[in-house]
């Protein structure tokens, strides 16, 4: 897995590399210390995972995450930030990040977040998951009413897959995918696909 670290603190970048040195499957390809380099560096290196500090100079917080998701739908994004999780974690997931962890967490937790996202999971701390679980009981109940096929379609949508890609993966036609999307909007009580994806990310974490 090719990784880019976007953080303006050299000591922190070196620390991440050192922490993951025993995991040969991770290859650190580039460093970014200014937001103006972000898009061009990703285009050049085509990484699998971006580790991003949202306080990186010349970035715009959650707007930058949404921009990354638009330009690079398959890129995994871990926010590893100085900002407290209780203030920013849920917003980051809603914006399109695959995980959020504070720099104040232990090295063990930070490593766990990287390994989880590498496996295609969404990562938040247990404390944030607990808060989500107790604040979204009605939404969780709706989520549990979905059929197995609806959950499969929802998982593909949350990864940015298009109708054609979903249809090919599930061996169904595109019209059927559209039908499932309509059902999901109704069952999860949202008005558009963006809100559907945002809610699915939170519900899959809290569930």
Protein backbone atom coordinates (compact mmCIF):
# COMPACT_ATOMS: atom_id res chain seq x y z
CA UNK A 1 0.00 0.00 0.00
CA UNK A 2 1.46 3.34 -1.10
CA UNK A 3 1.04 6.17 1.42
CA UNK A 4 1.46 9.93 1.36
CA UNK A 5 1.75 11.90 4.60
CA UNK A 6 0.43 15.46 4.42
CA UNK A 7 1.67 17.16 7.59
CA UNK A 8 3.79 20.24 8.14
CA UNK A 9 5.74 18.79 11.09
CA UNK A 10 8.85 16.85 9.90
CA UNK A 11 9.30 15.10 13.25
CA UNK A 12 5.74 13.78 13.08
CA UNK A 13 6.20 12.49 9.52
CA UNK A 14 9.36 10.66 10.54
CA UNK A 15 7.58 9.26 13.57
CA UNK A 16 4.85 7.69 11.45
CA UNK A 17 7.39 6.10 9.12
CA UNK A 18 9.34 4.72 12.07
CA UNK A 19 6.21 3.39 13.75
CA UNK A 20 5.24 1.38 10.65
CA UNK A 21 8.74 0.18 9.69
CA UNK A 22 7.92 -3.46 10.50
CA UNK A 23 4.94 -3.43 8.14
CA UNK A 24 6.59 -4.00 4.80
CA UNK A 25 3.25 -3.74 2.99
CA UNK A 26 3.30 0.01 3.63
CA UNK A 27 5.44 2.14 1.36
CA UNK A 28 5.74 5.87 2.08
CA UNK A 29 6.09 7.60 -1.27
CA UNK A 30 5.84 11.31 -0.63
CA UNK A 31 5.64 14.06 1.97
CA UNK A 32 3.47 17.13 1.70
CA UNK A 33 3.91 20.13 3.97
CA UNK A 34 1.64 22.62 2.20
CA UNK A 35 -1.93 22.30 0.94
CA UNK A 36 -1.02 23.88 -2.38
CA UNK A 37 0.90 20.68 -3.21
CA UNK A 38 -1.88 18.30 -2.16
CA UNK A 39 -3.81 17.65 -5.38
CA UNK A 40 -0.78 17.67 -7.69
CA UNK A 41 1.21 15.32 -5.44
CA UNK A 42 -1.66 12.83 -5.26
CA UNK A 43 -2.08 12.94 -9.02
CA UNK A 44 1.64 12.33 -9.48
CA UNK A 45 2.09 9.53 -6.93
CA UNK A 46 -1.36 7.88 -7.12
CA UNK A 47 -1.27 6.68 -3.48
CA UNK A 48 -3.66 4.20 -1.87
CA UNK A 49 -3.82 6.10 1.40
CA UNK A 50 -3.42 9.73 2.44
CA UNK A 51 -2.64 10.62 6.06
CA UNK A 52 -3.81 14.23 6.42
CA UNK A 53 -3.53 16.89 9.11
CA UNK A 54 -6.53 19.17 8.55
CA UNK A 55 -4.48 22.09 9.88
CA UNK A 56 -2.04 21.72 6.97
CA UNK A 57 -1.26 25.24 5.66
CA UNK A 58 -3.38 26.30 2.69
CA UNK A 59 -6.11 23.74 3.24
CA UNK A 60 -9.75 24.37 4.13
CA UNK A 61 -10.60 21.74 6.70
CA UNK A 62 -13.68 19.70 5.86
CA UNK A 63 -13.96 21.36 2.45
CA UNK A 64 -10.57 19.91 1.53
CA UNK A 65 -11.76 16.42 2.49
CA UNK A 66 -14.83 16.81 0.29
CA UNK A 67 -12.64 18.03 -2.57
CA UNK A 68 -10.37 14.99 -2.20
CA UNK A 69 -13.35 12.63 -2.24
CA UNK A 70 -14.61 14.27 -5.45
CA UNK A 71 -11.26 14.11 -7.24
CA UNK A 72 -10.04 10.77 -5.89
CA UNK A 73 -13.04 8.55 -4.98
CA UNK A 74 -10.86 5.45 -4.43
CA UNK A 75 -8.27 7.17 -2.22
CA UNK A 76 -8.40 6.18 1.45
CA UNK A 77 -8.10 9.21 3.74
CA UNK A 78 -7.10 9.08 7.41
CA UNK A 79 -7.28 12.33 9.34
CA UNK A 80 -4.55 12.32 11.98
CA UNK A 81 -4.94 15.69 13.59
CA UNK A 82 -4.17 17.88 16.58
CA UNK A 83 -7.87 18.73 16.87
CA UNK A 84 -9.94 16.80 19.45
CA UNK A 85 -11.97 13.89 18.12
CA UNK A 86 -15.17 14.91 19.87
CA UNK A 87 -15.22 18.16 17.91
CA UNK A 88 -14.17 17.06 14.43
CA UNK A 89 -14.30 13.28 13.96
CA UNK A 90 -17.94 12.89 12.90
CA UNK A 91 -17.73 15.92 10.59
CA UNK A 92 -14.65 14.43 8.93
CA UNK A 93 -16.43 11.13 8.25
CA UNK A 94 -19.44 13.00 6.88
CA UNK A 95 -17.12 14.94 4.58
CA UNK A 96 -15.71 11.69 3.17
CA UNK A 97 -12.75 10.66 5.36
CA UNK A 98 -12.27 6.97 6.11
CA UNK A 99 -11.09 7.60 9.65
CA UNK A 100 -10.18 10.20 12.24
CA UNK A 101 -7.77 9.94 15.15
CA UNK A 102 -6.16 12.52 17.39
CA UNK A 103 -2.40 12.92 17.61
CA UNK A 104 -2.78 12.67 21.38
CA UNK A 105 -3.72 8.98 21.06
CA UNK A 106 -1.23 6.23 21.82
CA UNK A 107 1.07 4.85 19.13
CA UNK A 108 -0.83 1.58 19.44
CA UNK A 109 -4.13 3.31 18.60
CA UNK A 110 -2.63 5.25 15.70
CA UNK A 111 -1.16 2.06 14.26
CA UNK A 112 -4.54 0.35 14.70
CA UNK A 113 -6.25 3.14 12.76
CA UNK A 114 -3.83 2.72 9.83
CA UNK A 115 -4.23 -1.04 9.73
CA UNK A 116 -8.04 -0.78 9.92
CA UNK A 117 -8.26 1.63 7.01
CA UNK A 118 -5.80 -0.47 4.99
CA UNK A 119 -8.30 -3.34 5.33
CA UNK A 120 -11.11 -1.17 3.96
CA UNK A 121 -12.71 -0.38 7.31
CA UNK A 122 -13.81 2.99 8.67
CA UNK A 123 -12.01 4.02 11.85
CA UNK A 124 -13.13 6.05 14.86
CA UNK A 125 -12.16 5.68 18.50
CA UNK A 126 -14.33 3.54 20.77
CA UNK A 127 -15.45 6.67 22.64
CA UNK A 128 -16.78 8.31 19.47
CA UNK A 129 -18.45 5.06 18.39
CA UNK A 130 -20.20 4.91 21.76
CA UNK A 131 -21.47 8.47 21.36
CA UNK A 132 -22.77 7.67 17.88
CA UNK A 133 -24.48 4.53 19.02
CA UNK A 134 -26.41 6.34 21.72
CA UNK A 135 -27.30 9.37 19.61
CA UNK A 136 -28.55 7.50 16.51
CA UNK A 137 -30.79 4.75 17.88
CA UNK A 138 -33.63 5.42 15.43
CA UNK A 139 -31.26 5.51 12.45
CA UNK A 140 -29.57 2.28 13.59
CA UNK A 141 -32.97 0.59 13.77
CA UNK A 142 -33.69 1.66 10.18
CA UNK A 143 -30.30 0.36 9.09
CA UNK A 144 -30.97 -3.05 10.64
CA UNK A 145 -34.18 -3.35 8.58
CA UNK A 146 -32.22 -3.33 5.31
CA UNK A 147 -31.98 -6.54 3.31
CA UNK A 148 -28.62 -8.19 2.66
CA UNK A 149 -28.64 -6.98 -0.95
CA UNK A 150 -29.53 -3.42 0.09
CA UNK A 151 -26.61 -3.41 2.52
CA UNK A 152 -24.30 -4.65 -0.25
CA UNK A 153 -25.42 -1.83 -2.56
CA UNK A 154 -25.06 0.68 0.27
CA UNK A 155 -21.52 -0.47 1.00
CA UNK A 156 -20.54 0.00 -2.65
CA UNK A 157 -22.15 3.46 -2.71
CA UNK A 158 -20.24 4.48 0.42
CA UNK A 159 -17.01 3.59 -1.40
CA UNK A 160 -17.92 5.89 -4.31
CA UNK A 161 -18.79 3.14 -6.79
CA UNK A 162 -20.96 4.01 -9.79
CA UNK A 163 -24.10 2.14 -10.82
CA UNK A 164 -22.31 0.25 -13.58
CA UNK A 165 -19.53 -0.90 -11.23
CA UNK A 166 -22.06 -2.03 -8.62
CA UNK A 167 -24.09 -3.89 -11.22
CA UNK A 168 -21.00 -5.74 -12.47
CA UNK A 169 -19.83 -6.61 -8.95
CA UNK A 170 -23.24 -7.98 -7.92
CA UNK A 171 -24.14 -9.51 -11.32
CA UNK A 172 -27.33 -7.45 -11.65
CA UNK A 173 -28.34 -4.80 -14.18
CA UNK A 174 -27.98 -1.06 -13.69
CA UNK A 175 -31.75 -0.52 -13.53
CA UNK A 176 -31.91 -2.85 -10.54
CA UNK A 177 -29.15 -0.86 -8.84
CA UNK A 178 -31.21 2.30 -9.33
CA UNK A 179 -34.20 0.55 -7.77
CA UNK A 180 -32.12 -0.40 -4.72
CA UNK A 181 -30.89 3.19 -4.39
CA UNK A 182 -34.48 4.45 -4.37
CA UNK A 183 -35.39 1.93 -1.67
CA UNK A 184 -32.38 2.95 0.42
CA UNK A 185 -33.29 6.64 0.24
CA UNK A 186 -36.78 5.81 1.44
CA UNK A 187 -35.81 3.34 4.17
CA UNK A 188 -33.06 5.53 5.63
CA UNK A 189 -35.21 8.67 5.28
CA UNK A 190 -32.76 10.84 3.34
CA UNK A 191 -33.26 12.99 0.25
CA UNK A 192 -30.13 12.43 -1.84
CA UNK A 193 -27.24 10.04 -2.43
CA UNK A 194 -24.67 12.26 -0.67
CA UNK A 195 -26.71 12.22 2.55
CA UNK A 196 -27.26 8.49 2.10
CA UNK A 197 -23.52 7.86 1.91
CA UNK A 198 -22.80 10.10 4.89
CA UNK A 199 -25.40 8.38 7.03
CA UNK A 200 -24.25 4.92 5.98
CA UNK A 201 -20.68 5.66 7.09
CA UNK A 202 -21.87 6.76 10.53
CA UNK A 203 -24.33 3.91 10.94
CA UNK A 204 -21.81 1.24 9.96
CA UNK A 205 -19.43 2.60 12.58
CA UNK A 206 -22.08 2.84 15.31
CA UNK A 207 -23.75 -0.47 14.53
